Amino acid sequence: MQDPNLDTQWNDVLRAKGIIPEKEKEVTEEDLVTMLESTIAEKSRGRELSDMNIDELNENEDDIDEEDERMFEEYRRQRIAELKTAQQLARYGDVREISKDEYVAEVNKAGEGVWVILLVYKPSIPMCKILEQHIAQLARKFPATKFLKIVSSVCIPNYPDRNLPTIFVYLDGDMKKQFIGPESLGGVKITCDELEWVLSEVGAVKTTLEAKPSREGVHDVMESSLRACNDDGNDWD
């Protein structure tokens, strides 16, 4: 039997009469390019929608054709869910000073899934002042994490100054990690980024840093401050 895909006058007659099907279309290089461009455009459209916030999605709703309508609704539901979650989690954003009487309520009963970072400090100790500044900055950056501070003499009688600053990390009322004294935190040169990295390794914050911070090029300002304090006779060892 003659191949129905051959280009012959007889086959043309048979196709016209509906006796044999139309010749299968050969996929050309131009067809492949068109299909590829269409796929790229569809994926790009998906990325464009995924980058929009709720207001932008609503503004562009009239521009969405029927083919993209299902994708549009999916992204809008996703954005609404993400917004609700962010609103529920971002309920702190600052560092609260607590008393001994508030310890249980603020730390042990903070709530399910709430990370609590507690700085035990003494205002007269220079490194404690640096840590206060660092956790204040991190509290603003990570409002889903509860940052607290308490003076050492208030919560732990006779707590040695050599153990300060101390950071306790809690989750669901259980202590997950403790950093006692300057060396446990990497010494007096610790930067805010380094503290963020340390806390992220515990799981208390979701860092935006891509790698462990390097101290290369960091000036030894803290060490100079400590040396000046010790020279004045304010030795806190």
Protein backbone atom coordinates (compact mmCIF):
# COMPACT_ATOMS: atom_id res chain seq x y z
CA MET A 1 0.00 0.00 0.00
CA GLN A 2 1.25 3.44 -0.90
CA ASP A 3 2.46 5.56 2.01
CA PRO A 4 -0.38 8.04 2.79
CA ASN A 5 2.19 10.63 3.86
CA LEU A 6 3.81 10.80 0.43
CA ASP A 7 3.20 13.94 -1.61
CA THR A 8 1.57 12.44 -4.73
CA GLN A 9 -1.32 13.59 -6.91
CA TRP A 10 -3.25 10.41 -6.09
CA ASN A 11 -2.85 10.92 -2.35
CA ASP A 12 -4.04 14.52 -2.73
CA VAL A 13 -7.25 13.21 -4.36
CA LEU A 14 -7.75 10.65 -1.59
CA ARG A 15 -7.23 13.31 1.10
CA ALA A 16 -9.73 15.61 -0.63
CA LYS A 17 -12.31 12.79 -0.60
CA GLY A 18 -11.59 12.08 3.07
CA ILE A 19 -10.43 8.56 2.28
CA ILE A 20 -7.02 9.00 3.91
CA PRO A 21 -6.11 11.41 6.74
CA GLU A 22 -4.27 14.64 6.20
CA LYS A 23 -0.53 14.34 5.98
CA GLU A 24 1.20 14.50 9.35
CA LYS A 25 2.84 17.88 9.74
CA GLU A 26 6.59 17.76 10.01
CA VAL A 27 7.97 19.65 13.01
CA THR A 28 10.43 22.17 11.64
CA GLU A 29 13.21 24.03 13.44
CA GLU A 30 10.98 27.11 13.36
CA ASP A 31 8.23 25.16 15.14
CA LEU A 32 10.68 24.08 17.84
CA VAL A 33 11.81 27.67 18.40
CA THR A 34 8.17 28.82 18.70
CA MET A 35 7.37 26.10 21.25
CA LEU A 36 10.49 26.94 23.26
CA GLU A 37 9.66 30.66 23.30
CA SER A 38 6.13 29.85 24.43
CA THR A 39 7.42 27.73 27.31
CA ILE A 40 9.87 30.42 28.41
CA ALA A 41 7.12 33.05 28.25
CA GLU A 42 4.82 30.89 30.39
CA LYS A 43 7.52 30.35 33.01
CA SER A 44 8.40 34.04 32.96
CA ARG A 45 4.73 34.86 33.50
CA GLY A 46 4.72 32.53 36.48
CA ARG A 47 7.75 34.27 37.97
CA GLU A 48 6.15 37.66 37.35
CA LEU A 49 3.03 36.67 39.27
CA SER A 50 5.05 35.08 42.06
CA ASP A 51 6.93 38.36 42.60
CA MET A 52 3.74 40.40 43.02
CA ASN A 53 2.27 41.37 46.37
CA ILE A 54 -1.47 41.27 47.10
CA ASP A 55 -2.17 44.80 45.84
CA GLU A 56 -0.25 44.20 42.61
CA LEU A 57 -2.08 40.93 42.00
CA ASN A 58 -5.45 42.67 42.44
CA GLU A 59 -4.40 45.52 40.12
CA ASN A 60 -3.40 43.05 37.39
CA GLU A 61 -6.45 40.82 37.71
CA ASP A 62 -8.16 42.36 34.65
CA ASP A 63 -5.07 41.66 32.54
CA ILE A 64 -5.12 37.93 33.26
CA ASP A 65 -6.53 35.82 30.44
CA GLU A 66 -8.51 32.62 30.98
CA GLU A 67 -5.45 30.46 30.51
CA ASP A 68 -3.63 32.22 33.38
CA GLU A 69 -6.67 32.63 35.65
CA ARG A 70 -6.07 29.43 37.61
CA MET A 71 -2.41 30.31 38.12
CA PHE A 72 -3.39 33.83 39.19
CA GLU A 73 -5.82 32.56 41.84
CA GLU A 74 -3.25 30.09 43.14
CA TYR A 75 -0.66 32.83 43.59
CA ARG A 76 -3.17 35.15 45.24
CA ARG A 77 -4.17 32.47 47.77
CA GLN A 78 -0.50 31.82 48.42
CA ARG A 79 0.20 35.51 48.99
CA ILE A 80 -2.74 35.86 51.38
CA ALA A 81 -1.60 32.82 53.36
CA GLU A 82 1.97 34.16 53.54
CA LEU A 83 0.70 37.56 54.69
CA LYS A 84 -1.42 36.04 57.46
CA THR A 85 1.48 33.91 58.64
CA ALA A 86 3.84 36.88 58.67
CA GLN A 87 1.35 38.96 60.64
CA GLN A 88 0.93 36.21 63.21
CA LEU A 89 4.67 35.71 63.64
CA ALA A 90 5.87 39.33 63.54
CA ARG A 91 4.57 40.26 66.98
CA TYR A 92 7.74 41.33 68.79
CA GLY A 93 10.38 43.49 67.09
CA ASP A 94 12.08 44.93 70.15
CA VAL A 95 13.98 43.92 73.29
CA ARG A 96 11.95 43.88 76.50
CA GLU A 97 13.52 44.21 79.92
CA ILE A 98 11.95 41.74 82.35
CA SER A 99 11.98 41.27 86.10
CA LYS A 100 12.46 38.07 88.06
CA ASP A 101 8.70 37.79 88.61
CA GLU A 102 8.07 37.93 84.86
CA TYR A 103 10.63 35.27 84.00
CA VAL A 104 8.29 32.27 83.94
CA ALA A 105 5.53 34.01 81.98
CA GLU A 106 7.85 35.65 79.45
CA VAL A 107 10.30 32.78 78.95
CA ASN A 108 8.87 29.41 79.97
CA LYS A 109 5.33 30.25 78.86
CA ALA A 110 6.15 32.30 75.77
CA GLY A 111 4.00 30.09 73.58
CA GLU A 112 4.24 27.11 71.29
CA GLY A 113 6.86 27.46 68.58
CA VAL A 114 8.20 30.76 69.97
CA TRP A 115 11.97 31.15 70.13
CA VAL A 116 13.11 33.24 73.09
CA ILE A 117 16.55 34.82 73.35
CA LEU A 118 17.38 36.10 76.83
CA LEU A 119 20.41 38.29 77.46
CA VAL A 120 21.67 38.24 81.05
CA TYR A 121 23.82 41.33 81.48
CA LYS A 122 25.17 44.07 83.70
CA PRO A 123 25.16 47.66 82.37
CA SER A 124 28.65 48.38 83.72
CA ILE A 125 30.32 45.69 81.59
CA PRO A 126 31.41 47.00 78.15
CA MET A 127 30.77 43.78 76.22
CA CYS A 128 27.26 43.65 77.66
CA LYS A 129 26.64 47.08 76.17
CA ILE A 130 27.76 45.83 72.78
CA LEU A 131 25.49 42.77 73.04
CA GLU A 132 22.57 45.00 74.00
CA GLN A 133 23.05 46.94 70.77
CA HIS A 134 23.36 43.76 68.73
CA ILE A 135 20.20 42.11 70.05
CA ALA A 136 18.25 45.36 69.63
CA GLN A 137 19.21 45.33 65.94
CA LEU A 138 18.40 41.63 65.57
CA ALA A 139 15.06 42.05 67.35
CA ARG A 140 14.00 44.52 64.65
CA LYS A 141 15.27 42.23 61.90
CA PHE A 142 13.60 39.09 63.29
CA PRO A 143 10.25 40.14 64.83
CA ALA A 144 9.07 36.53 65.04
CA THR A 145 11.72 35.83 67.70
CA LYS A 146 11.21 37.10 71.23
CA PHE A 147 14.20 39.04 72.54
CA LEU A 148 14.45 39.72 76.28
CA LYS A 149 17.08 40.99 78.70
CA ILE A 150 17.50 40.90 82.45
CA VAL A 151 20.16 42.21 84.83
CA SER A 152 22.18 39.33 86.27
CA SER A 153 21.75 40.35 89.91
CA VAL A 154 17.98 40.42 89.42
CA CYS A 155 17.58 36.85 88.16
CA ILE A 156 20.62 34.94 89.51
CA PRO A 157 21.98 36.00 92.91
CA ASN A 158 25.79 36.10 93.11
CA TYR A 159 26.14 35.35 89.38
CA PRO A 160 29.85 35.94 88.56
CA ASP A 161 30.63 38.91 86.36
CA ARG A 162 33.12 36.75 84.46
CA ASN A 163 30.10 34.86 83.06
CA LEU A 164 28.67 37.98 81.50
CA PRO A 165 27.29 38.49 79.02
CA THR A 166 25.24 35.29 79.03
CA ILE A 167 22.66 34.37 76.42
CA PHE A 168 20.02 31.69 77.01
CA VAL A 169 18.02 30.39 74.03
CA TYR A 170 14.62 28.76 74.63
CA LEU A 171 11.97 27.05 72.53
CA ASP A 172 8.63 25.92 73.94
CA GLY A 173 9.92 26.66 77.44
CA ASP A 174 12.97 24.41 77.08
CA MET A 175 16.51 25.73 77.03
CA LYS A 176 18.11 24.81 73.71
CA LYS A 177 21.45 26.58 74.07
CA GLN A 178 23.42 28.73 76.47
CA PHE A 179 26.37 31.01 75.81
CA ILE A 180 28.18 31.86 79.03
CA GLY A 181 30.88 34.51 79.00
CA PRO A 182 32.65 36.40 76.21
CA GLU A 183 34.60 33.45 74.79
CA SER A 184 31.46 31.36 74.22
CA LEU A 185 30.33 34.04 71.80
CA GLY A 186 33.66 34.35 70.03
CA GLY A 187 35.26 36.97 72.23
CA VAL A 188 35.04 40.71 72.54
CA LYS A 189 35.21 41.29 68.77
CA ILE A 190 31.82 39.73 68.03
CA THR A 191 29.82 41.63 65.42
CA CYS A 192 26.08 41.76 64.95
CA ASP A 193 26.35 39.54 61.86
CA GLU A 194 28.36 36.99 63.84
CA LEU A 195 25.74 36.95 66.59
CA GLU A 196 23.04 36.49 63.96
CA TRP A 197 24.95 33.56 62.52
CA VAL A 198 25.47 31.96 65.95
CA LEU A 199 21.76 32.25 66.78
CA SER A 200 20.78 30.91 63.36
CA GLU A 201 22.85 27.79 63.95
CA VAL A 202 20.70 27.10 67.00
CA GLY A 203 17.57 27.75 64.93
CA ALA A 204 16.38 30.83 66.83
CA VAL A 205 16.48 33.10 63.75
CA LYS A 206 16.35 32.46 60.01
CA THR A 207 19.44 34.29 58.84
CA THR A 208 19.70 36.06 55.52
CA LEU A 209 23.48 35.65 55.58
CA GLU A 210 24.82 33.23 53.00
CA ALA A 211 28.01 32.32 54.86
CA LYS A 212 29.62 32.65 58.25
CA PRO A 213 30.82 36.26 58.64
CA SER A 214 34.54 36.90 58.44
CA ARG A 215 36.38 39.16 60.87
CA GLU A 216 38.92 40.21 58.28
CA GLY A 217 39.21 43.98 58.29
CA VAL A 218 37.17 44.45 61.47
CA HIS A 219 38.78 47.05 63.77
CA ASP A 220 39.47 46.01 67.32
CA VAL A 221 37.35 48.78 68.82
CA MET A 222 35.84 46.59 71.52
CA GLU A 223 39.19 45.33 72.71
CA SER A 224 40.47 48.92 72.94
CA SER A 225 37.43 49.88 75.00
CA LEU A 226 37.98 46.99 77.37
CA ARG A 227 41.67 47.87 77.72
CA ALA A 228 40.76 51.46 78.53
CA CYS A 229 38.27 50.32 81.17
CA ASN A 230 40.81 48.03 82.78
CA ASP A 231 43.41 50.81 82.76
CA ASP A 232 40.92 52.92 84.74
CA GLY A 233 40.72 50.23 87.38
CA ASN A 234 37.33 48.87 86.32
CA ASP A 235 38.42 45.25 86.14
CA TRP A 236 35.35 43.01 85.93
CA ASP A 237 37.11 39.61 86.01
